Amino acid sequence: MTIRLLASVAVFSLLASLGSAASAQQETFNAYLESVGQKARSEGVRDSTISNVFAGLTPNERVMALDRDNVSSSGSGTSTGFPSMANYIARHNSQSRIDGGRSAYRSLGALASEVEREYGVPAQYLVAIWGHETAYGAVKGSFDLPRSLATLAWEGRRRDLFERELIDVLKIADAGIPRSSLVGSWAGAFGNPQFLPSVYLRLARDGDGDGVRDIWNSRADTLHSIANYFRDAGWRAGQPWAVRAYVPNSADRSGIESDTASPVCPRVHSRHSRWLTVREWKERGITPAAPIGDDVLTALFEPDGPSAPGYLLTQNYRVILEYNCSNYYAMSVGLLADEIIR
């Protein structure tokens, strides 16, 4: 899962990125770590923490290979066609994932209402994120975070991004998180919600009051942290993420195309219509299949075309996109959340 910070970074061309990486790697790995250590010291990280975290680090060739593969796949999305949403949902929202989500949700007890009262986000959405990110904590990643982040920063293609994350993981260690806990995905995300270090420092919360923001093991800290992320991204309490919509062939589709280019993930947002109130959609013959206020602004999304199910997306759908800027991801999270409480 790539989170909001990763999603907001523009994708460079492969040729240019490889050129900048080659230039960056003229500096030895150890020399680069020393320069990062100096920057971390200037931001208050102790020498003992830097020495402990950086001890014995070497570049991770597997991480560099995965990053190159990621560049190649992201650069190939120029076609106007899109894979089937229905097939994606069938694969990712399996019955076992739905059952796991229902079980996790039932076990929350008072924690579910506690989190919703504080952040305005119903717990089923938090559990759905947890399920998609780490299979409810079962698959959190096994890459050494400092090594992965140091490799990606030294390699140079996105040095500004990953050097910041590397310094922030040093700050996490400096705050007392054990070195052995600093494991996660190859791209630096970790814990139950797969936060990047910068996101952890800014948005992670101590939900159980023990003085530690433990998104690795604490269910309360995990759910409070995801809820805080959603609130920070603009979640609107009392609104669904979307509702199914009946879109007959006779519906008035004139002028519904969006004329606004999103500065982030434009190809994702280009598939949505312009924003209209539910009342305006009804006037065009498009009917929501679940309760939603007439004044709520929504965008029409027909992921598999006019003959397949359509949805009226709310602002809360865009909040899910902030977590991972993919229509496939956001739809699967929303639909999983619906299934969890069905």
C-alpha atoms as a PDB file:
ATOM      1  CA  MET A   1       0.000   0.000   0.000  1.00  0.00           C
ATOM      2  CA  THR A   2       1.318   3.036  -0.882  1.00  0.00           C
ATOM      3  CA  ILE A   3       0.028   5.778   1.341  1.00  0.00           C
ATOM      4  CA  ARG A   4      -0.832   9.428   0.701  1.00  0.00           C
ATOM      5  CA  LEU A   5       2.760  10.687   0.719  1.00  0.00           C
ATOM      6  CA  LEU A   6       3.868   8.106  -1.851  1.00  0.00           C
ATOM      7  CA  ALA A   7       0.750   8.711  -3.955  1.00  0.00           C
ATOM      8  CA  SER A   8       1.470  12.435  -4.128  1.00  0.00           C
ATOM      9  CA  VAL A   9       4.943  11.980  -5.669  1.00  0.00           C
ATOM     10  CA  ALA A  10       5.033  12.465  -9.465  1.00  0.00           C
ATOM     11  CA  VAL A  11       6.338   9.488 -11.448  1.00  0.00           C
ATOM     12  CA  PHE A  12       9.528  10.384 -13.313  1.00  0.00           C
ATOM     13  CA  SER A  13      10.381   8.806 -16.638  1.00  0.00           C
ATOM     14  CA  LEU A  14      12.398   5.615 -16.318  1.00  0.00           C
ATOM     15  CA  LEU A  15      15.325   6.957 -18.333  1.00  0.00           C
ATOM     16  CA  ALA A  16      15.658  10.111 -16.242  1.00  0.00           C
ATOM     17  CA  SER A  17      15.311   8.237 -12.980  1.00  0.00           C
ATOM     18  CA  LEU A  18      17.992   5.721 -13.846  1.00  0.00           C
ATOM     19  CA  GLY A  19      20.321   8.587 -14.791  1.00  0.00           C
ATOM     20  CA  SER A  20      19.816  10.361 -11.468  1.00  0.00           C
ATOM     21  CA  ALA A  21      20.235   7.076  -9.594  1.00  0.00           C
ATOM     22  CA  ALA A  22      23.556   6.408 -11.290  1.00  0.00           C
ATOM     23  CA  SER A  23      24.748   9.872 -10.336  1.00  0.00           C
ATOM     24  CA  ALA A  24      23.668   9.404  -6.723  1.00  0.00           C
ATOM     25  CA  GLN A  25      25.451   6.069  -6.449  1.00  0.00           C
ATOM     26  CA  GLN A  26      28.816   7.678  -7.208  1.00  0.00           C
ATOM     27  CA  GLU A  27      28.716   8.339  -3.445  1.00  0.00           C
ATOM     28  CA  THR A  28      29.472   5.210  -1.400  1.00  0.00           C
ATOM     29  CA  PHE A  29      26.700   3.793   0.742  1.00  0.00           C
ATOM     30  CA  ASN A  30      28.624   4.359   3.980  1.00  0.00           C
ATOM     31  CA  ALA A  31      29.456   7.931   3.026  1.00  0.00           C
ATOM     32  CA  TYR A  32      25.784   8.548   2.314  1.00  0.00           C
ATOM     33  CA  LEU A  33      24.761   7.124   5.701  1.00  0.00           C
ATOM     34  CA  GLU A  34      27.241   9.448   7.362  1.00  0.00           C
ATOM     35  CA  SER A  35      25.685  12.471   5.638  1.00  0.00           C
ATOM     36  CA  VAL A  36      22.194  11.351   6.681  1.00  0.00           C
ATOM     37  CA  GLY A  37      23.424  10.848  10.222  1.00  0.00           C
ATOM     38  CA  GLN A  38      24.657  14.434  10.308  1.00  0.00           C
ATOM     39  CA  LYS A  39      21.244  15.685   9.160  1.00  0.00           C
ATOM     40  CA  ALA A  40      19.503  13.528  11.768  1.00  0.00           C
ATOM     41  CA  ARG A  41      21.772  14.909  14.518  1.00  0.00           C
ATOM     42  CA  SER A  42      20.843  18.434  13.454  1.00  0.00           C
ATOM     43  CA  GLU A  43      17.182  17.461  14.004  1.00  0.00           C
ATOM     44  CA  GLY A  44      17.848  16.165  17.506  1.00  0.00           C
ATOM     45  CA  VAL A  45      18.466  12.443  17.011  1.00  0.00           C
ATOM     46  CA  ARG A  46      21.058  11.071  19.447  1.00  0.00           C
ATOM     47  CA  ASP A  47      24.398   9.694  18.259  1.00  0.00           C
ATOM     48  CA  SER A  48      23.752   6.406  20.053  1.00  0.00           C
ATOM     49  CA  THR A  49      20.504   5.902  18.118  1.00  0.00           C
ATOM     50  CA  ILE A  50      22.145   6.640  14.779  1.00  0.00           C
ATOM     51  CA  SER A  51      24.993   4.240  15.519  1.00  0.00           C
ATOM     52  CA  ASN A  52      22.626   1.484  16.653  1.00  0.00           C
ATOM     53  CA  VAL A  53      20.243   1.788  13.699  1.00  0.00           C
ATOM     54  CA  PHE A  54      22.916   2.140  11.007  1.00  0.00           C
ATOM     55  CA  ALA A  55      25.268  -0.523  12.369  1.00  0.00           C
ATOM     56  CA  GLY A  56      26.099  -3.089   9.688  1.00  0.00           C
ATOM     57  CA  LEU A  57      23.700  -1.726   7.056  1.00  0.00           C
ATOM     58  CA  THR A  58      24.388  -2.616   3.421  1.00  0.00           C
ATOM     59  CA  PRO A  59      22.378  -1.862   0.264  1.00  0.00           C
ATOM     60  CA  ASN A  60      19.526  -4.281  -0.349  1.00  0.00           C
ATOM     61  CA  GLU A  61      19.625  -5.440  -3.979  1.00  0.00           C
ATOM     62  CA  ARG A  62      16.153  -6.976  -3.673  1.00  0.00           C
ATOM     63  CA  VAL A  63      14.700  -3.603  -2.689  1.00  0.00           C
ATOM     64  CA  MET A  64      16.326  -1.910  -5.680  1.00  0.00           C
ATOM     65  CA  ALA A  65      14.947  -4.599  -7.994  1.00  0.00           C
ATOM     66  CA  LEU A  66      11.442  -4.158  -6.588  1.00  0.00           C
ATOM     67  CA  ASP A  67      11.713  -0.392  -7.030  1.00  0.00           C
ATOM     68  CA  ARG A  68      12.781  -0.801 -10.669  1.00  0.00           C
ATOM     69  CA  ASP A  69       9.834  -3.143 -11.259  1.00  0.00           C
ATOM     70  CA  ASN A  70       7.532  -0.561  -9.702  1.00  0.00           C
ATOM     71  CA  VAL A  71       8.791   2.137 -12.075  1.00  0.00           C
ATOM     72  CA  SER A  72       8.225  -0.090 -15.091  1.00  0.00           C
ATOM     73  CA  SER A  73       4.678  -1.009 -14.107  1.00  0.00           C
ATOM     74  CA  SER A  74       3.698   2.571 -13.212  1.00  0.00           C
ATOM     75  CA  GLY A  75       5.001   3.836 -16.530  1.00  0.00           C
ATOM     76  CA  SER A  76       2.943   1.371 -18.551  1.00  0.00           C
ATOM     77  CA  GLY A  77      -0.484   2.722 -17.649  1.00  0.00           C
ATOM     78  CA  THR A  78      -1.111   4.795 -20.739  1.00  0.00           C
ATOM     79  CA  SER A  79      -3.924   2.749 -22.238  1.00  0.00           C
ATOM     80  CA  THR A  80      -7.477   4.028 -22.062  1.00  0.00           C
ATOM     81  CA  GLY A  81      -8.742   0.593 -21.065  1.00  0.00           C
ATOM     82  CA  PHE A  82      -9.066  -0.555 -17.458  1.00  0.00           C
ATOM     83  CA  PRO A  83      -9.092  -4.049 -15.941  1.00  0.00           C
ATOM     84  CA  SER A  84     -12.409  -5.352 -14.660  1.00  0.00           C
ATOM     85  CA  MET A  85     -13.382  -3.930 -11.274  1.00  0.00           C
ATOM     86  CA  ALA A  86     -15.684  -6.889 -10.623  1.00  0.00           C
ATOM     87  CA  ASN A  87     -12.834  -9.351 -11.086  1.00  0.00           C
ATOM     88  CA  TYR A  88     -10.593  -7.314  -8.795  1.00  0.00           C
ATOM     89  CA  ILE A  89     -13.225  -7.194  -6.066  1.00  0.00           C
ATOM     90  CA  ALA A  90     -13.851 -10.926  -6.344  1.00  0.00           C
ATOM     91  CA  ARG A  91     -10.130 -11.614  -5.828  1.00  0.00           C
ATOM     92  CA  HIS A  92      -9.503  -9.139  -3.031  1.00  0.00           C
ATOM     93  CA  ASN A  93     -12.753  -9.262  -1.087  1.00  0.00           C
ATOM     94  CA  SER A  94     -12.753 -13.029  -0.719  1.00  0.00           C
ATOM     95  CA  GLN A  95     -15.114 -14.744   1.666  1.00  0.00           C
ATOM     96  CA  SER A  96     -12.233 -15.424   4.042  1.00  0.00           C
ATOM     97  CA  ARG A  97     -11.333 -11.710   4.110  1.00  0.00           C
ATOM     98  CA  ILE A  98     -14.973 -10.776   4.720  1.00  0.00           C
ATOM     99  CA  ASP A  99     -15.300 -13.390   7.481  1.00  0.00           C
ATOM    100  CA  GLY A 100     -12.044 -12.189   9.036  1.00  0.00           C
ATOM    101  CA  GLY A 101     -13.314  -8.623   8.997  1.00  0.00           C
ATOM    102  CA  ARG A 102     -16.602  -9.560  10.603  1.00  0.00           C
ATOM    103  CA  SER A 103     -14.788 -11.489  13.315  1.00  0.00           C
ATOM    104  CA  ALA A 104     -12.385  -8.605  13.990  1.00  0.00           C
ATOM    105  CA  TYR A 105     -15.258  -6.110  14.044  1.00  0.00           C
ATOM    106  CA  ARG A 106     -17.316  -8.181  16.511  1.00  0.00           C
ATOM    107  CA  SER A 107     -14.331  -8.484  18.823  1.00  0.00           C
ATOM    108  CA  LEU A 108     -13.874  -4.712  19.139  1.00  0.00           C
ATOM    109  CA  GLY A 109     -16.676  -4.268  21.650  1.00  0.00           C
ATOM    110  CA  ALA A 110     -16.698  -0.779  23.179  1.00  0.00           C
ATOM    111  CA  LEU A 111     -13.597   0.210  21.188  1.00  0.00           C
ATOM    112  CA  ALA A 112     -15.686   0.568  18.015  1.00  0.00           C
ATOM    113  CA  SER A 113     -18.033   3.180  19.482  1.00  0.00           C
ATOM    114  CA  GLU A 114     -15.165   4.879  21.338  1.00  0.00           C
ATOM    115  CA  VAL A 115     -13.237   5.475  18.120  1.00  0.00           C
ATOM    116  CA  GLU A 116     -16.304   6.641  16.203  1.00  0.00           C
ATOM    117  CA  ARG A 117     -17.195   9.128  18.948  1.00  0.00           C
ATOM    118  CA  GLU A 118     -13.708  10.633  18.913  1.00  0.00           C
ATOM    119  CA  TYR A 119     -13.006  10.718  15.174  1.00  0.00           C
ATOM    120  CA  GLY A 120     -16.404  10.405  13.479  1.00  0.00           C
ATOM    121  CA  VAL A 121     -15.275   7.364  11.474  1.00  0.00           C
ATOM    122  CA  PRO A 122     -17.288   4.120  11.792  1.00  0.00           C
ATOM    123  CA  ALA A 123     -15.105   1.189  12.807  1.00  0.00           C
ATOM    124  CA  GLN A 124     -15.974  -0.993   9.806  1.00  0.00           C
ATOM    125  CA  TYR A 125     -13.898   1.300   7.552  1.00  0.00           C
ATOM    126  CA  LEU A 126     -10.916   1.039   9.872  1.00  0.00           C
ATOM    127  CA  VAL A 127     -11.192  -2.733   9.981  1.00  0.00           C
ATOM    128  CA  ALA A 128     -11.469  -2.834   6.172  1.00  0.00           C
ATOM    129  CA  ILE A 129      -8.229  -0.842   5.832  1.00  0.00           C
ATOM    130  CA  TRP A 130      -6.571  -3.153   8.350  1.00  0.00           C
ATOM    131  CA  GLY A 131      -7.749  -6.180   6.383  1.00  0.00           C
ATOM    132  CA  HIS A 132      -6.504  -4.897   3.041  1.00  0.00           C
ATOM    133  CA  GLU A 133      -3.179  -3.665   4.361  1.00  0.00           C
ATOM    134  CA  THR A 134      -2.037  -6.596   6.480  1.00  0.00           C
ATOM    135  CA  ALA A 135      -4.796  -9.262   6.531  1.00  0.00           C
ATOM    136  CA  TYR A 136      -5.795  -8.080  10.017  1.00  0.00           C
ATOM    137  CA  GLY A 137      -2.195  -8.075  11.211  1.00  0.00           C
ATOM    138  CA  ALA A 138      -1.094 -11.398   9.745  1.00  0.00           C
ATOM    139  CA  VAL A 139       1.169 -10.012   6.980  1.00  0.00           C
ATOM    140  CA  LYS A 140       3.053  -6.886   8.048  1.00  0.00           C
ATOM    141  CA  GLY A 141       6.242  -7.268   6.001  1.00  0.00           C
ATOM    142  CA  SER A 142       9.679  -8.565   6.918  1.00  0.00           C
ATOM    143  CA  PHE A 143      12.067  -6.060   5.312  1.00  0.00           C
ATOM    144  CA  ASP A 144      14.409  -4.180   7.636  1.00  0.00           C
ATOM    145  CA  LEU A 145      13.039  -0.632   7.433  1.00  0.00           C
ATOM    146  CA  PRO A 146      16.253   1.353   7.936  1.00  0.00           C
ATOM    147  CA  ARG A 147      18.053  -0.816   5.372  1.00  0.00           C
ATOM    148  CA  SER A 148      15.233  -0.520   2.823  1.00  0.00           C
ATOM    149  CA  LEU A 149      14.869   3.239   3.252  1.00  0.00           C
ATOM    150  CA  ALA A 150      18.633   3.795   3.196  1.00  0.00           C
ATOM    151  CA  THR A 151      18.865   1.749  -0.007  1.00  0.00           C
ATOM    152  CA  LEU A 152      16.062   3.656  -1.724  1.00  0.00           C
ATOM    153  CA  ALA A 153      17.434   7.029  -0.653  1.00  0.00           C
ATOM    154  CA  TRP A 154      21.028   6.197  -1.649  1.00  0.00           C
ATOM    155  CA  GLU A 155      19.892   4.751  -4.992  1.00  0.00           C
ATOM    156  CA  GLY A 156      18.681   8.261  -5.679  1.00  0.00           C
ATOM    157  CA  ARG A 157      15.592   8.039  -7.861  1.00  0.00           C
ATOM    158  CA  ARG A 158      13.402   9.517  -5.124  1.00  0.00           C
ATOM    159  CA  ARG A 159      16.034  10.650  -2.653  1.00  0.00           C
ATOM    160  CA  ASP A 160      14.060  13.592  -1.263  1.00  0.00           C
ATOM    161  CA  LEU A 161      11.181  11.297  -0.333  1.00  0.00           C
ATOM    162  CA  PHE A 162      13.092   8.374   1.101  1.00  0.00           C
ATOM    163  CA  GLU A 163      15.786  10.367   2.886  1.00  0.00           C
ATOM    164  CA  ARG A 164      13.034  12.133   4.809  1.00  0.00           C
ATOM    165  CA  GLU A 165      11.523   8.773   5.723  1.00  0.00           C
ATOM    166  CA  LEU A 166      14.946   7.447   6.761  1.00  0.00           C
ATOM    167  CA  ILE A 167      15.526  10.371   9.126  1.00  0.00           C
ATOM    168  CA  ASP A 168      12.016   9.905  10.502  1.00  0.00           C
ATOM    169  CA  VAL A 169      12.597   6.209  11.191  1.00  0.00           C
ATOM    170  CA  LEU A 170      15.668   7.292  13.175  1.00  0.00           C
ATOM    171  CA  LYS A 171      13.392   9.599  15.168  1.00  0.00           C
ATOM    172  CA  ILE A 172      11.030   6.694  15.841  1.00  0.00           C
ATOM    173  CA  ALA A 173      13.930   4.621  17.165  1.00  0.00           C
ATOM    174  CA  ASP A 174      15.159   7.607  19.185  1.00  0.00           C
ATOM    175  CA  ALA A 175      11.729   7.801  20.855  1.00  0.00           C
ATOM    176  CA  GLY A 176      12.216   4.290  22.225  1.00  0.00           C
ATOM    177  CA  ILE A 177      10.744   1.932  19.644  1.00  0.00           C
ATOM    178  CA  PRO A 178      12.982  -1.178  19.660  1.00  0.00           C
ATOM    179  CA  ARG A 179      15.280  -1.706  16.690  1.00  0.00           C
ATOM    180  CA  SER A 180      13.764  -5.173  16.260  1.00  0.00           C
ATOM    181  CA  SER A 181      10.338  -3.634  15.611  1.00  0.00           C
ATOM    182  CA  LEU A 182      11.547  -1.631  12.614  1.00  0.00           C
ATOM    183  CA  VAL A 183      10.439  -4.063   9.920  1.00  0.00           C
ATOM    184  CA  GLY A 184       7.823  -3.704   7.207  1.00  0.00           C
ATOM    185  CA  SER A 185       7.357  -3.450   3.450  1.00  0.00           C
ATOM    186  CA  TRP A 186      10.206  -2.966   0.981  1.00  0.00           C
ATOM    187  CA  ALA A 187       9.067   0.634   0.411  1.00  0.00           C
ATOM    188  CA  GLY A 188       9.112   1.602   4.090  1.00  0.00           C
ATOM    189  CA  ALA A 189       5.525   1.132   5.315  1.00  0.00           C
ATOM    190  CA  PHE A 190       5.048  -0.754   8.573  1.00  0.00           C
ATOM    191  CA  GLY A 191       2.703  -1.928  11.296  1.00  0.00           C
ATOM    192  CA  ASN A 192      -0.926  -2.992  11.089  1.00  0.00           C
ATOM    193  CA  PRO A 193      -1.962   0.088   9.031  1.00  0.00           C
ATOM    194  CA  GLN A 194       1.263   0.212   6.970  1.00  0.00           C
ATOM    195  CA  PHE A 195       2.172   3.800   7.807  1.00  0.00           C
ATOM    196  CA  LEU A 196       5.310   5.449   6.490  1.00  0.00           C
ATOM    197  CA  PRO A 197       7.591   6.827   9.234  1.00  0.00           C
ATOM    198  CA  SER A 198       6.549  10.438   8.531  1.00  0.00           C
ATOM    199  CA  VAL A 199       2.884   9.462   8.789  1.00  0.00           C
ATOM    200  CA  TYR A 200       3.539   7.588  12.023  1.00  0.00           C
ATOM    201  CA  LEU A 201       5.209  10.611  13.602  1.00  0.00           C
ATOM    202  CA  ARG A 202       2.401  12.932  12.533  1.00  0.00           C
ATOM    203  CA  LEU A 203      -0.742  10.857  12.888  1.00  0.00           C
ATOM    204  CA  ALA A 204      -0.230   7.678  14.936  1.00  0.00           C
ATOM    205  CA  ARG A 205      -2.112   7.703  18.250  1.00  0.00           C
ATOM    206  CA  ASP A 206      -1.815   5.985  21.619  1.00  0.00           C
ATOM    207  CA  GLY A 207      -5.310   4.539  21.814  1.00  0.00           C
ATOM    208  CA  ASP A 208      -4.887   2.380  24.907  1.00  0.00           C
ATOM    209  CA  GLY A 209      -3.145   4.990  27.052  1.00  0.00           C
ATOM    210  CA  ASP A 210       0.047   3.045  27.779  1.00  0.00           C
ATOM    211  CA  GLY A 211       2.305   5.832  26.523  1.00  0.00           C
ATOM    212  CA  VAL A 212       3.406   4.025  23.326  1.00  0.00           C
ATOM    213  CA  ARG A 213       1.971   4.446  19.840  1.00  0.00           C
ATOM    214  CA  ASP A 214       2.133   0.725  19.146  1.00  0.00           C
ATOM    215  CA  ILE A 215       0.650   0.187  15.688  1.00  0.00           C
ATOM    216  CA  TRP A 216       2.442  -3.171  15.511  1.00  0.00           C
ATOM    217  CA  ASN A 217       0.613  -4.978  18.307  1.00  0.00           C
ATOM    218  CA  SER A 218      -2.090  -2.793  19.878  1.00  0.00           C
ATOM    219  CA  ARG A 219      -5.524  -3.019  18.325  1.00  0.00           C
ATOM    220  CA  ALA A 220      -6.587   0.220  20.014  1.00  0.00           C
ATOM    221  CA  ASP A 221      -3.533   2.118  18.778  1.00  0.00           C
ATOM    222  CA  THR A 222      -4.026   0.730  15.273  1.00  0.00           C
ATOM    223  CA  LEU A 223      -7.677   1.771  14.985  1.00  0.00           C
ATOM    224  CA  HIS A 224      -7.178   5.172  16.637  1.00  0.00           C
ATOM    225  CA  SER A 225      -4.301   5.838  14.241  1.00  0.00           C
ATOM    226  CA  ILE A 226      -6.204   4.902  11.076  1.00  0.00           C
ATOM    227  CA  ALA A 227      -9.196   6.924  12.285  1.00  0.00           C
ATOM    228  CA  ASN A 228      -6.949   9.921  12.921  1.00  0.00           C
ATOM    229  CA  TYR A 229      -5.569   9.531   9.384  1.00  0.00           C
ATOM    230  CA  PHE A 230      -9.106   9.558   7.984  1.00  0.00           C
ATOM    231  CA  ARG A 231     -10.098  12.591  10.040  1.00  0.00           C
ATOM    232  CA  ASP A 232      -6.982  14.447   8.919  1.00  0.00           C
ATOM    233  CA  ALA A 233      -7.827  13.617   5.283  1.00  0.00           C
ATOM    234  CA  GLY A 234     -11.297  15.166   5.618  1.00  0.00           C
ATOM    235  CA  TRP A 235     -13.706  12.371   6.573  1.00  0.00           C
ATOM    236  CA  ARG A 236     -17.286  13.624   6.869  1.00  0.00           C
ATOM    237  CA  ALA A 237     -19.149  12.014   9.738  1.00  0.00           C
ATOM    238  CA  GLY A 238     -22.575  10.668   8.937  1.00  0.00           C
ATOM    239  CA  GLN A 239     -21.944  10.138   5.211  1.00  0.00           C
ATOM    240  CA  PRO A 240     -21.382   6.792   3.498  1.00  0.00           C
ATOM    241  CA  TRP A 241     -18.350   6.280   1.264  1.00  0.00           C
ATOM    242  CA  ALA A 242     -20.722   5.755  -1.699  1.00  0.00           C
ATOM    243  CA  VAL A 243     -24.104   4.293  -2.546  1.00  0.00           C
ATOM    244  CA  ARG A 244     -25.066   2.010  -5.389  1.00  0.00           C
ATOM    245  CA  ALA A 245     -26.999   3.839  -8.068  1.00  0.00           C
ATOM    246  CA  TYR A 246     -29.593   2.749 -10.601  1.00  0.00           C
ATOM    247  CA  VAL A 247     -28.530   4.319 -13.904  1.00  0.00           C
ATOM    248  CA  PRO A 248     -31.070   3.536 -16.627  1.00  0.00           C
ATOM    249  CA  ASN A 249     -30.274   3.936 -20.316  1.00  0.00           C
ATOM    250  CA  SER A 250     -32.671   6.887 -20.369  1.00  0.00           C
ATOM    251  CA  ALA A 251     -30.638   8.826 -17.754  1.00  0.00           C
ATOM    252  CA  ASP A 252     -29.510  12.297 -18.791  1.00  0.00           C
ATOM    253  CA  ARG A 253     -25.727  12.088 -19.131  1.00  0.00           C
ATOM    254  CA  SER A 254     -25.219  15.425 -20.854  1.00  0.00           C
ATOM    255  CA  GLY A 255     -22.359  17.470 -19.444  1.00  0.00           C
ATOM    256  CA  ILE A 256     -21.516  15.186 -16.532  1.00  0.00           C
ATOM    257  CA  GLU A 257     -17.850  14.738 -17.472  1.00  0.00           C
ATOM    258  CA  SER A 258     -15.462  16.343 -15.026  1.00  0.00           C
ATOM    259  CA  ASP A 259     -13.576  19.317 -16.448  1.00  0.00           C
ATOM    260  CA  THR A 260     -11.118  19.483 -13.537  1.00  0.00           C
ATOM    261  CA  ALA A 261      -7.732  17.763 -13.705  1.00  0.00           C
ATOM    262  CA  SER A 262      -6.634  16.454 -10.323  1.00  0.00           C
ATOM    263  CA  PRO A 263      -3.048  17.396  -9.399  1.00  0.00           C
ATOM    264  CA  VAL A 264      -2.651  13.987  -7.725  1.00  0.00           C
ATOM    265  CA  CYS A 265      -3.374  10.677  -9.473  1.00  0.00           C
ATOM    266  CA  PRO A 266      -5.207  12.332 -12.391  1.00  0.00           C
ATOM    267  CA  ARG A 267      -5.892   9.025 -14.162  1.00  0.00           C
ATOM    268  CA  VAL A 268      -7.741   7.768 -11.075  1.00  0.00           C
ATOM    269  CA  HIS A 269      -9.939  10.858 -10.741  1.00  0.00           C
ATOM    270  CA  SER A 270     -10.556  11.182 -14.478  1.00  0.00           C
ATOM    271  CA  ARG A 271     -12.886   8.178 -14.278  1.00  0.00           C
ATOM    272  CA  HIS A 272     -15.345  10.066 -12.033  1.00  0.00           C
ATOM    273  CA  SER A 273     -18.023  12.481 -13.215  1.00  0.00           C
ATOM    274  CA  ARG A 274     -18.255  16.066 -12.045  1.00  0.00           C
ATOM    275  CA  TRP A 275     -19.804  16.645  -8.630  1.00  0.00           C
ATOM    276  CA  LEU A 276     -23.575  17.079  -8.413  1.00  0.00           C
ATOM    277  CA  THR A 277     -25.980  16.867  -5.493  1.00  0.00           C
ATOM    278  CA  VAL A 278     -27.970  13.695  -5.058  1.00  0.00           C
ATOM    279  CA  ARG A 279     -31.045  15.775  -5.882  1.00  0.00           C
ATOM    280  CA  GLU A 280     -29.504  16.775  -9.218  1.00  0.00           C
ATOM    281  CA  TRP A 281     -28.710  13.137 -10.034  1.00  0.00           C
ATOM    282  CA  LYS A 282     -32.301  12.190  -9.279  1.00  0.00           C
ATOM    283  CA  GLU A 283     -33.474  14.912 -11.645  1.00  0.00           C
ATOM    284  CA  ARG A 284     -31.369  13.246 -14.350  1.00  0.00           C
ATOM    285  CA  GLY A 285     -33.050   9.897 -13.690  1.00  0.00           C
ATOM    286  CA  ILE A 286     -30.242   8.382 -11.600  1.00  0.00           C
ATOM    287  CA  THR A 287     -31.523   6.901  -8.344  1.00  0.00           C
ATOM    288  CA  PRO A 288     -29.483   5.984  -5.234  1.00  0.00           C
ATOM    289  CA  ALA A 289     -30.200   2.473  -3.993  1.00  0.00           C
ATOM    290  CA  ALA A 290     -29.558   3.342  -0.326  1.00  0.00           C
ATOM    291  CA  PRO A 291     -30.411   6.270   1.935  1.00  0.00           C
ATOM    292  CA  ILE A 292     -28.348   9.423   1.347  1.00  0.00           C
ATOM    293  CA  GLY A 293     -29.234  13.091   1.780  1.00  0.00           C
ATOM    294  CA  ASP A 294     -30.433  15.018  -1.271  1.00  0.00           C
ATOM    295  CA  ASP A 295     -27.917  17.794  -0.631  1.00  0.00           C
ATOM    296  CA  VAL A 296     -24.849  15.533  -0.475  1.00  0.00           C
ATOM    297  CA  LEU A 297     -22.388  16.205  -3.283  1.00  0.00           C
ATOM    298  CA  THR A 298     -21.486  13.042  -5.179  1.00  0.00           C
ATOM    299  CA  ALA A 299     -19.722  11.924  -8.334  1.00  0.00           C
ATOM    300  CA  LEU A 300     -20.997   9.163 -10.598  1.00  0.00           C
ATOM    301  CA  PHE A 301     -18.596   6.256 -11.117  1.00  0.00           C
ATOM    302  CA  GLU A 302     -19.355   3.303 -13.384  1.00  0.00           C
ATOM    303  CA  PRO A 303     -16.167   1.242 -12.993  1.00  0.00           C
ATOM    304  CA  ASP A 304     -17.123  -1.463 -15.484  1.00  0.00           C
ATOM    305  CA  GLY A 305     -19.166   0.656 -17.870  1.00  0.00           C
ATOM    306  CA  PRO A 306     -22.807   1.704 -18.206  1.00  0.00           C
ATOM    307  CA  SER A 307     -24.163  -1.847 -18.222  1.00  0.00           C
ATOM    308  CA  ALA A 308     -22.542  -2.709 -14.846  1.00  0.00           C
ATOM    309  CA  PRO A 309     -23.240  -1.395 -11.328  1.00  0.00           C
ATOM    310  CA  GLY A 310     -22.814   2.332 -10.852  1.00  0.00           C
ATOM    311  CA  TYR A 311     -22.006   4.263  -7.680  1.00  0.00           C
ATOM    312  CA  LEU A 312     -22.484   7.773  -6.356  1.00  0.00           C
ATOM    313  CA  LEU A 313     -19.190   8.560  -4.607  1.00  0.00           C
ATOM    314  CA  THR A 314     -18.991  10.960  -1.677  1.00  0.00           C
ATOM    315  CA  GLN A 315     -16.097  12.971  -0.261  1.00  0.00           C
ATOM    316  CA  ASN A 316     -15.382   9.979   1.987  1.00  0.00           C
ATOM    317  CA  TYR A 317     -14.439   7.904  -1.054  1.00  0.00           C
ATOM    318  CA  ARG A 318     -11.737  10.469  -1.732  1.00  0.00           C
ATOM    319  CA  VAL A 319     -10.517  10.035   1.839  1.00  0.00           C
ATOM    320  CA  ILE A 320      -9.995   6.332   1.129  1.00  0.00           C
ATOM    321  CA  LEU A 321      -8.126   7.350  -2.033  1.00  0.00           C
ATOM    322  CA  GLU A 322      -5.836   9.419   0.186  1.00  0.00           C
ATOM    323  CA  TYR A 323      -4.737   6.162   1.802  1.00  0.00           C
ATOM    324  CA  ASN A 324      -3.983   4.550  -1.552  1.00  0.00           C
ATOM    325  CA  CYS A 325      -4.701   6.414  -4.755  1.00  0.00           C
ATOM    326  CA  SER A 326      -6.348   3.573  -6.688  1.00  0.00           C
ATOM    327  CA  ASN A 327      -9.998   3.185  -7.607  1.00  0.00           C
ATOM    328  CA  TYR A 328      -9.584  -0.567  -7.233  1.00  0.00           C
ATOM    329  CA  TYR A 329      -8.248  -0.190  -3.707  1.00  0.00           C
ATOM    330  CA  ALA A 330     -10.823   2.393  -2.617  1.00  0.00           C
ATOM    331  CA  MET A 331     -13.757   0.431  -4.051  1.00  0.00           C
ATOM    332  CA  SER A 332     -12.582  -2.786  -2.418  1.00  0.00           C
ATOM    333  CA  VAL A 333     -12.180  -1.066   0.966  1.00  0.00           C
ATOM    334  CA  GLY A 334     -15.626   0.538   0.767  1.00  0.00           C
ATOM    335  CA  LEU A 335     -17.338  -2.653  -0.327  1.00  0.00           C
ATOM    336  CA  LEU A 336     -15.506  -4.693   2.320  1.00  0.00           C
ATOM    337  CA  ALA A 337     -16.638  -2.234   4.996  1.00  0.00           C
ATOM    338  CA  ASP A 338     -20.230  -2.688   3.786  1.00  0.00           C
ATOM    339  CA  GLU A 339     -19.880  -6.476   3.937  1.00  0.00           C
ATOM    340  CA  ILE A 340     -18.380  -6.390   7.423  1.00  0.00           C
ATOM    341  CA  ILE A 341     -21.565  -4.904   8.914  1.00  0.00           C
ATOM    342  CA  ARG A 342     -24.041  -6.618   6.604  1.00  0.00           C
END
